[in-house]
Amino acid sequence: MSYEYDPQIYAEAAIEYDIRTEISSGIEQAGSVRGYINNFTENLDGGRHRSQIEQLGWTDRIMTDSRYPAGSEDSPHSTLAYTRTWGQFFADVDQAVAESGLDQAELARLQVLADQPSFEQREAQEAHSRFTLPVYRQLRILGYSSFDLRR
C-alpha cells in the first residue's frame, strides 16, 4: 500500500489542529467553555443575539462591526466575515449544527435552561456551551474568527 502526499489534506489537518489547540488553550485560560466562547450560543437558532438581528431586519447587512473597516490591520474580524451577511452567517451556523450531529432536542432543552434566570443558570450556560463546542470549532475551521463568533 502506498500513500500519496496531498498538500491540501495536510494543510486542512494543520489548520484543524491549530484551531483545536487554540480552543483548548483559550478554555484553560478562561477557566470554562462559556468563558471562552462567550456569547457564541446567542447566534444559534433561538439565541437572543440572532433574534435581535432578525427582528431589526438586519439579516441582509454585512456582519462586521463598522469600527473595523475591511483591510485594517487591527481588525478582529476574519476576511470571511467581510463577505457574509448576518443571514448567511446564521445559515452557516445552522449548517454547522446539522453537520455536527448534535441532538436538536437536547440543544433546544439546554438553550431554554441557559436562558432561565436561576441559581443554576451558570451551570446550565456552561453545559450549553460545552454541548455546542463542536459547532464553534467547525465554524472556526470554516474561516470565522473567534471575534466573529463570540459577539
N, C-alpha and C. Protein backbone atom coordinates (compact mmCIF):
# COMPACT_ATOMS: atom_id res chain seq x y z
N MET A 1 0.85 -1.17 0.00
CA MET A 1 0.00 0.00 0.00
C MET A 1 0.90 1.23 0.00
N SER A 2 0.62 2.17 -0.87
CA SER A 2 1.40 3.41 -0.90
C SER A 2 0.48 4.59 -0.63
N TYR A 3 1.07 5.60 -0.03
CA TYR A 3 0.33 6.81 0.30
C TYR A 3 0.89 7.96 -0.51
N GLU A 4 -0.01 8.72 -1.10
CA GLU A 4 0.42 9.90 -1.84
C GLU A 4 0.33 11.12 -0.95
N TYR A 5 1.28 11.99 -1.09
CA TYR A 5 1.27 13.24 -0.34
C TYR A 5 0.30 14.20 -1.01
N ASP A 6 -0.68 14.64 -0.27
CA ASP A 6 -1.64 15.63 -0.77
C ASP A 6 -1.52 16.86 0.11
N PRO A 7 -0.91 17.93 -0.40
CA PRO A 7 -0.68 19.12 0.43
C PRO A 7 -1.97 19.73 0.97
N GLN A 8 -3.06 19.62 0.22
CA GLN A 8 -4.34 20.17 0.68
C GLN A 8 -4.82 19.46 1.94
N ILE A 9 -4.72 18.15 1.94
CA ILE A 9 -5.15 17.37 3.11
C ILE A 9 -4.31 17.72 4.32
N TYR A 10 -3.00 17.83 4.12
CA TYR A 10 -2.12 18.17 5.24
C TYR A 10 -2.37 19.59 5.74
N ALA A 11 -2.64 20.51 4.84
CA ALA A 11 -2.92 21.90 5.22
C ALA A 11 -4.21 21.97 6.04
N GLU A 12 -5.24 21.27 5.60
CA GLU A 12 -6.51 21.26 6.33
C GLU A 12 -6.34 20.63 7.71
N ALA A 13 -5.57 19.56 7.79
CA ALA A 13 -5.33 18.91 9.08
C ALA A 13 -4.55 19.84 10.01
N ALA A 14 -3.61 20.58 9.46
CA ALA A 14 -2.82 21.51 10.28
C ALA A 14 -3.69 22.64 10.81
N ILE A 15 -4.58 23.16 9.97
CA ILE A 15 -5.50 24.22 10.40
C ILE A 15 -6.40 23.70 11.52
N GLU A 16 -6.96 22.51 11.33
CA GLU A 16 -7.84 21.94 12.35
C GLU A 16 -7.08 21.72 13.65
N TYR A 17 -5.85 21.22 13.56
CA TYR A 17 -5.04 21.01 14.77
C TYR A 17 -4.76 22.34 15.47
N ASP A 18 -4.39 23.35 14.70
CA ASP A 18 -4.12 24.67 15.29
C ASP A 18 -5.34 25.24 15.99
N ILE A 19 -6.50 25.10 15.38
CA ILE A 19 -7.73 25.62 15.97
C ILE A 19 -8.08 24.84 17.23
N ARG A 20 -7.96 23.52 17.20
CA ARG A 20 -8.22 22.71 18.40
C ARG A 20 -7.29 23.13 19.54
N THR A 21 -6.01 23.35 19.21
CA THR A 21 -5.03 23.77 20.22
C THR A 21 -5.39 25.15 20.77
N GLU A 22 -5.76 26.07 19.89
CA GLU A 22 -6.14 27.42 20.32
C GLU A 22 -7.37 27.38 21.22
N ILE A 23 -8.35 26.57 20.86
CA ILE A 23 -9.56 26.47 21.66
C ILE A 23 -9.24 25.87 23.03
N SER A 24 -8.47 24.80 23.06
CA SER A 24 -8.11 24.17 24.34
C SER A 24 -7.37 25.15 25.24
N SER A 25 -6.44 25.88 24.67
CA SER A 25 -5.68 26.88 25.43
C SER A 25 -6.59 28.00 25.92
N GLY A 26 -7.49 28.44 25.07
CA GLY A 26 -8.42 29.51 25.44
C GLY A 26 -9.35 29.11 26.56
N ILE A 27 -9.84 27.87 26.52
CA ILE A 27 -10.72 27.38 27.58
C ILE A 27 -9.95 27.31 28.89
N GLU A 28 -8.73 26.83 28.82
CA GLU A 28 -7.91 26.75 30.03
C GLU A 28 -7.67 28.14 30.62
N GLN A 29 -7.36 29.11 29.77
CA GLN A 29 -7.12 30.47 30.25
C GLN A 29 -8.39 31.11 30.81
N ALA A 30 -9.52 30.87 30.15
CA ALA A 30 -10.78 31.47 30.59
C ALA A 30 -11.36 30.76 31.82
N GLY A 31 -10.98 29.52 32.02
CA GLY A 31 -11.48 28.77 33.16
C GLY A 31 -12.77 28.02 32.91
N SER A 32 -13.36 28.21 31.74
CA SER A 32 -14.59 27.49 31.38
C SER A 32 -14.83 27.63 29.88
N VAL A 33 -15.64 26.73 29.36
CA VAL A 33 -16.01 26.83 27.94
C VAL A 33 -16.82 28.09 27.72
N ARG A 34 -17.79 28.34 28.60
CA ARG A 34 -18.64 29.54 28.47
C ARG A 34 -17.79 30.81 28.50
N GLY A 35 -16.80 30.84 29.39
CA GLY A 35 -15.92 32.00 29.47
C GLY A 35 -15.12 32.21 28.19
N TYR A 36 -14.81 31.12 27.50
CA TYR A 36 -14.04 31.24 26.26
C TYR A 36 -14.92 31.59 25.06
N ILE A 37 -16.01 30.85 24.87
CA ILE A 37 -16.82 31.12 23.67
C ILE A 37 -17.81 32.25 23.89
N ASN A 38 -17.90 32.73 25.12
CA ASN A 38 -18.67 33.91 25.47
C ASN A 38 -20.10 33.81 24.94
N ASN A 39 -20.48 34.69 24.05
CA ASN A 39 -21.87 34.77 23.57
C ASN A 39 -22.14 33.96 22.31
N PHE A 40 -21.27 33.05 21.95
CA PHE A 40 -21.45 32.28 20.72
C PHE A 40 -22.84 31.64 20.64
N THR A 41 -23.31 31.07 21.74
CA THR A 41 -24.59 30.36 21.71
C THR A 41 -25.76 31.28 21.38
N GLU A 42 -25.57 32.58 21.54
CA GLU A 42 -26.64 33.54 21.20
C GLU A 42 -26.83 33.66 19.69
N ASN A 43 -25.93 33.07 18.89
CA ASN A 43 -26.06 33.06 17.43
C ASN A 43 -26.79 31.82 16.91
N LEU A 44 -27.07 30.88 17.81
CA LEU A 44 -27.80 29.68 17.41
C LEU A 44 -29.28 30.02 17.23
N ASP A 45 -29.99 29.12 16.56
CA ASP A 45 -31.43 29.31 16.38
C ASP A 45 -32.08 29.45 17.76
N GLY A 46 -32.82 30.53 17.96
CA GLY A 46 -33.44 30.79 19.25
C GLY A 46 -32.60 31.63 20.19
N GLY A 47 -31.36 31.92 19.80
CA GLY A 47 -30.49 32.74 20.63
C GLY A 47 -30.90 34.21 20.59
N ARG A 48 -30.60 34.91 21.66
CA ARG A 48 -31.02 36.31 21.79
C ARG A 48 -30.41 37.22 20.73
N HIS A 49 -29.12 37.10 20.49
CA HIS A 49 -28.47 37.97 19.50
C HIS A 49 -29.06 37.74 18.11
N ARG A 50 -29.22 36.49 17.77
CA ARG A 50 -29.80 36.15 16.46
C ARG A 50 -31.21 36.70 16.34
N SER A 51 -32.01 36.54 17.39
CA SER A 51 -33.38 37.05 17.38
C SER A 51 -33.41 38.57 17.20
N GLN A 52 -32.50 39.27 17.87
CA GLN A 52 -32.43 40.74 17.74
C GLN A 52 -32.09 41.14 16.31
N ILE A 53 -31.10 40.50 15.72
CA ILE A 53 -30.70 40.80 14.33
C ILE A 53 -31.89 40.58 13.39
N GLU A 54 -32.58 39.47 13.60
CA GLU A 54 -33.74 39.16 12.74
C GLU A 54 -34.87 40.16 12.95
N GLN A 55 -35.15 40.52 14.20
CA GLN A 55 -36.22 41.47 14.49
C GLN A 55 -35.91 42.86 13.94
N LEU A 56 -34.64 43.24 13.94
CA LEU A 56 -34.25 44.54 13.40
C LEU A 56 -34.20 44.55 11.87
N GLY A 57 -34.34 43.38 11.25
CA GLY A 57 -34.30 43.29 9.80
C GLY A 57 -32.90 43.45 9.22
N TRP A 58 -31.89 43.06 9.99
CA TRP A 58 -30.50 43.24 9.57
C TRP A 58 -29.89 42.01 8.92
N THR A 59 -30.69 41.03 8.57
CA THR A 59 -30.12 39.80 8.02
C THR A 59 -29.42 40.00 6.68
N ASP A 60 -29.71 41.10 5.98
CA ASP A 60 -29.05 41.38 4.71
C ASP A 60 -27.84 42.29 4.86
N ARG A 61 -27.50 42.66 6.09
CA ARG A 61 -26.33 43.51 6.34
C ARG A 61 -25.08 42.65 6.53
N ILE A 62 -23.95 43.18 6.06
CA ILE A 62 -22.67 42.52 6.31
C ILE A 62 -22.47 42.46 7.82
N MET A 63 -21.95 41.36 8.30
CA MET A 63 -21.91 41.09 9.74
C MET A 63 -20.78 41.77 10.51
N THR A 64 -19.92 42.49 9.83
CA THR A 64 -18.79 43.09 10.52
C THR A 64 -19.17 44.38 11.24
N ASP A 65 -18.39 44.70 12.24
CA ASP A 65 -18.55 45.92 13.03
C ASP A 65 -17.93 47.08 12.25
N SER A 66 -18.66 48.14 12.07
CA SER A 66 -18.19 49.27 11.26
C SER A 66 -16.95 49.95 11.84
N ARG A 67 -16.64 49.68 13.10
CA ARG A 67 -15.41 50.25 13.69
C ARG A 67 -14.16 49.62 13.10
N TYR A 68 -14.32 48.51 12.41
CA TYR A 68 -13.18 47.79 11.83
C TYR A 68 -13.36 47.67 10.32
N PRO A 69 -12.91 48.68 9.57
CA PRO A 69 -13.06 48.61 8.11
C PRO A 69 -12.26 47.45 7.51
N ALA A 70 -12.76 46.95 6.40
CA ALA A 70 -12.07 45.85 5.71
C ALA A 70 -10.64 46.25 5.41
N GLY A 71 -9.73 45.32 5.64
CA GLY A 71 -8.33 45.56 5.35
C GLY A 71 -7.55 46.23 6.47
N SER A 72 -8.22 46.66 7.53
CA SER A 72 -7.49 47.29 8.63
C SER A 72 -6.68 46.24 9.38
N GLU A 73 -5.47 46.58 9.74
CA GLU A 73 -4.57 45.62 10.38
C GLU A 73 -5.05 45.18 11.75
N ASP A 74 -5.77 46.03 12.44
CA ASP A 74 -6.19 45.69 13.80
C ASP A 74 -7.59 45.08 13.86
N SER A 75 -8.15 44.69 12.73
CA SER A 75 -9.49 44.12 12.72
C SER A 75 -9.50 42.73 13.34
N PRO A 76 -10.38 42.50 14.30
CA PRO A 76 -10.50 41.16 14.87
C PRO A 76 -11.38 40.24 14.01
N HIS A 77 -11.99 40.81 12.96
CA HIS A 77 -12.84 40.01 12.08
C HIS A 77 -12.00 39.17 11.12
N SER A 78 -12.56 38.06 10.70
CA SER A 78 -11.96 37.25 9.65
C SER A 78 -12.24 37.91 8.31
N THR A 79 -11.47 37.54 7.30
CA THR A 79 -11.77 38.05 5.96
C THR A 79 -13.11 37.50 5.48
N LEU A 80 -13.47 36.32 5.95
CA LEU A 80 -14.77 35.73 5.59
C LEU A 80 -15.93 36.60 6.05
N ALA A 81 -15.81 37.15 7.25
CA ALA A 81 -16.91 37.95 7.82
C ALA A 81 -17.23 39.18 6.97
N TYR A 82 -16.24 39.73 6.30
CA TYR A 82 -16.46 40.91 5.46
C TYR A 82 -17.26 40.58 4.20
N THR A 83 -17.43 39.30 3.92
CA THR A 83 -18.17 38.88 2.72
C THR A 83 -19.52 38.26 3.05
N ARG A 84 -19.83 38.13 4.35
CA ARG A 84 -21.04 37.43 4.75
C ARG A 84 -22.05 38.38 5.40
N THR A 85 -23.30 38.21 5.02
CA THR A 85 -24.37 38.94 5.71
C THR A 85 -24.71 38.17 6.98
N TRP A 86 -25.47 38.82 7.86
CA TRP A 86 -25.91 38.11 9.06
C TRP A 86 -26.72 36.87 8.68
N GLY A 87 -27.56 36.99 7.67
CA GLY A 87 -28.36 35.84 7.24
C GLY A 87 -27.50 34.69 6.76
N GLN A 88 -26.45 35.00 6.00
CA GLN A 88 -25.54 33.95 5.53
C GLN A 88 -24.78 33.33 6.70
N PHE A 89 -24.37 34.19 7.64
CA PHE A 89 -23.69 33.69 8.83
C PHE A 89 -24.58 32.73 9.60
N PHE A 90 -25.84 33.12 9.81
CA PHE A 90 -26.76 32.24 10.54
C PHE A 90 -27.00 30.94 9.78
N ALA A 91 -27.02 31.00 8.45
CA ALA A 91 -27.14 29.77 7.65
C ALA A 91 -25.91 28.89 7.85
N ASP A 92 -24.72 29.50 7.93
CA ASP A 92 -23.50 28.73 8.21
C ASP A 92 -23.57 28.09 9.59
N VAL A 93 -24.09 28.83 10.57
CA VAL A 93 -24.24 28.29 11.92
C VAL A 93 -25.20 27.09 11.88
N ASP A 94 -26.33 27.25 11.22
CA ASP A 94 -27.31 26.16 11.14
C ASP A 94 -26.73 24.93 10.44
N GLN A 95 -25.96 25.17 9.38
CA GLN A 95 -25.33 24.05 8.67
C GLN A 95 -24.31 23.35 9.57
N ALA A 96 -23.54 24.12 10.32
CA ALA A 96 -22.55 23.52 11.24
C ALA A 96 -23.25 22.71 12.33
N VAL A 97 -24.39 23.19 12.81
CA VAL A 97 -25.17 22.44 13.80
C VAL A 97 -25.62 21.11 13.19
N ALA A 98 -26.16 21.17 11.97
CA ALA A 98 -26.64 19.96 11.31
C ALA A 98 -25.50 18.98 11.05
N GLU A 99 -24.37 19.48 10.57
CA GLU A 99 -23.24 18.61 10.24
C GLU A 99 -22.57 18.04 11.49
N SER A 100 -22.70 18.72 12.60
CA SER A 100 -22.05 18.24 13.83
C SER A 100 -22.78 17.05 14.43
N GLY A 101 -24.02 16.84 14.01
CA GLY A 101 -24.79 15.71 14.51
C GLY A 101 -25.35 15.89 15.91
N LEU A 102 -25.41 17.13 16.38
CA LEU A 102 -25.96 17.37 17.72
C LEU A 102 -27.44 17.02 17.76
N ASP A 103 -27.85 16.49 18.88
CA ASP A 103 -29.26 16.17 19.12
C ASP A 103 -30.02 17.50 19.24
N GLN A 104 -30.91 17.76 18.30
CA GLN A 104 -31.64 19.03 18.26
C GLN A 104 -32.52 19.24 19.50
N ALA A 105 -33.13 18.18 19.98
CA ALA A 105 -33.98 18.30 21.17
C ALA A 105 -33.14 18.67 22.40
N GLU A 106 -31.98 18.07 22.53
CA GLU A 106 -31.09 18.39 23.65
C GLU A 106 -30.56 19.81 23.52
N LEU A 107 -30.24 20.22 22.32
CA LEU A 107 -29.77 21.59 22.08
C LEU A 107 -30.84 22.60 22.50
N ALA A 108 -32.08 22.34 22.11
CA ALA A 108 -33.18 23.24 22.48
C ALA A 108 -33.40 23.24 23.99
N ARG A 109 -33.33 22.08 24.61
CA ARG A 109 -33.52 21.98 26.07
C ARG A 109 -32.44 22.77 26.81
N LEU A 110 -31.20 22.63 26.38
CA LEU A 110 -30.11 23.36 27.03
C LEU A 110 -30.22 24.87 26.80
N GLN A 111 -30.71 25.27 25.62
CA GLN A 111 -30.90 26.69 25.34
C GLN A 111 -31.90 27.29 26.31
N VAL A 112 -33.01 26.59 26.53
CA VAL A 112 -34.04 27.07 27.46
C VAL A 112 -33.48 27.18 28.87
N LEU A 113 -32.77 26.16 29.31
CA LEU A 113 -32.18 26.19 30.66
C LEU A 113 -31.16 27.32 30.81
N ALA A 114 -30.35 27.53 29.79
CA ALA A 114 -29.32 28.57 29.84
C ALA A 114 -29.93 29.97 29.87
N ASP A 115 -31.11 30.12 29.30
CA ASP A 115 -31.77 31.43 29.27
C ASP A 115 -32.62 31.71 30.51
N GLN A 116 -32.86 30.69 31.34
CA GLN A 116 -33.69 30.85 32.53
C GLN A 116 -32.90 31.48 33.67
N PRO A 117 -33.34 32.63 34.17
CA PRO A 117 -32.65 33.18 35.34
C PRO A 117 -32.90 32.28 36.55
N SER A 118 -31.84 31.71 37.07
CA SER A 118 -31.97 30.85 38.24
C SER A 118 -30.61 30.69 38.89
N PHE A 119 -30.61 30.05 40.02
CA PHE A 119 -29.38 29.78 40.75
C PHE A 119 -28.45 28.90 39.91
N GLU A 120 -29.02 28.00 39.13
CA GLU A 120 -28.24 27.07 38.32
C GLU A 120 -27.93 27.59 36.93
N GLN A 121 -28.24 28.85 36.64
CA GLN A 121 -28.06 29.36 35.28
C GLN A 121 -26.62 29.24 34.80
N ARG A 122 -25.66 29.54 35.67
CA ARG A 122 -24.26 29.47 35.26
C ARG A 122 -23.89 28.05 34.83
N GLU A 123 -24.36 27.06 35.58
CA GLU A 123 -24.09 25.66 35.23
C GLU A 123 -24.79 25.28 33.92
N ALA A 124 -26.00 25.78 33.74
CA ALA A 124 -26.75 25.50 32.51
C ALA A 124 -26.06 26.14 31.31
N GLN A 125 -25.55 27.35 31.46
CA GLN A 125 -24.85 28.02 30.37
C GLN A 125 -23.56 27.27 30.02
N GLU A 126 -22.87 26.78 31.03
CA GLU A 126 -21.65 26.02 30.77
C GLU A 126 -21.97 24.72 30.03
N ALA A 127 -23.03 24.02 30.46
CA ALA A 127 -23.44 22.78 29.79
C ALA A 127 -23.83 23.05 28.34
N HIS A 128 -24.56 24.13 28.12
CA HIS A 128 -24.97 24.51 26.77
C HIS A 128 -23.74 24.83 25.92
N SER A 129 -22.82 25.56 26.48
CA SER A 129 -21.59 25.92 25.75
C SER A 129 -20.77 24.69 25.41
N ARG A 130 -20.61 23.79 26.36
CA ARG A 130 -19.86 22.55 26.10
C ARG A 130 -20.53 21.73 24.99
N PHE A 131 -21.85 21.67 25.02
CA PHE A 131 -22.59 20.90 24.03
C PHE A 131 -22.39 21.47 22.63
N THR A 132 -22.28 22.79 22.52
CA THR A 132 -22.18 23.43 21.20
C THR A 132 -20.74 23.65 20.74
N LEU A 133 -19.77 23.26 21.55
CA LEU A 133 -18.37 23.46 21.19
C LEU A 133 -17.99 22.86 19.83
N PRO A 134 -18.52 21.68 19.43
CA PRO A 134 -18.19 21.17 18.09
C PRO A 134 -18.65 22.11 16.96
N VAL A 135 -19.74 22.82 17.18
CA VAL A 135 -20.24 23.77 16.17
C VAL A 135 -19.29 24.96 16.09
N TYR A 136 -18.90 25.48 17.25
CA TYR A 136 -17.95 26.59 17.32
C TYR A 136 -16.66 26.21 16.58
N ARG A 137 -16.13 25.03 16.89
CA ARG A 137 -14.89 24.57 16.25
C ARG A 137 -15.06 24.46 14.74
N GLN A 138 -16.17 23.93 14.29
CA GLN A 138 -16.40 23.77 12.85
C GLN A 138 -16.45 25.13 12.15
N LEU A 139 -17.06 26.12 12.78
CA LEU A 139 -17.13 27.45 12.18
C LEU A 139 -15.76 28.13 12.16
N ARG A 140 -14.94 27.87 13.16
CA ARG A 140 -13.57 28.39 13.15
C ARG A 140 -12.78 27.76 12.00
N ILE A 141 -12.95 26.47 11.78
CA ILE A 141 -12.27 25.79 10.68
C ILE A 141 -12.75 26.34 9.35
N LEU A 142 -14.02 26.68 9.26
CA LEU A 142 -14.58 27.27 8.04
C LEU A 142 -13.93 28.61 7.72
N GLY A 143 -13.47 29.32 8.75
CA GLY A 143 -12.77 30.58 8.49
C GLY A 143 -13.20 31.75 9.34
N TYR A 144 -14.20 31.58 10.19
CA TYR A 144 -14.63 32.67 11.07
C TYR A 144 -13.63 32.83 12.21
N SER A 145 -13.41 34.07 12.65
CA SER A 145 -12.54 34.32 13.79
C SER A 145 -13.32 34.13 15.08
N SER A 146 -12.60 34.02 16.18
CA SER A 146 -13.28 33.92 17.46
C SER A 146 -14.11 35.16 17.73
N PHE A 147 -13.64 36.32 17.30
CA PHE A 147 -14.40 37.56 17.46
C PHE A 147 -15.72 37.50 16.70
N ASP A 148 -15.68 36.99 15.48
CA ASP A 148 -16.91 36.86 14.68
C ASP A 148 -17.96 36.03 15.42
N LEU A 149 -17.51 34.98 16.08
CA LEU A 149 -18.42 34.01 16.68
C LEU A 149 -18.89 34.38 18.08
N ARG A 150 -18.13 35.20 18.78
CA ARG A 150 -18.42 35.43 20.19
C ARG A 150 -19.18 36.71 20.46
N ARG A 151 -19.48 37.48 19.47
CA ARG A 151 -20.15 38.74 19.76
C ARG A 151 -21.63 38.66 19.48
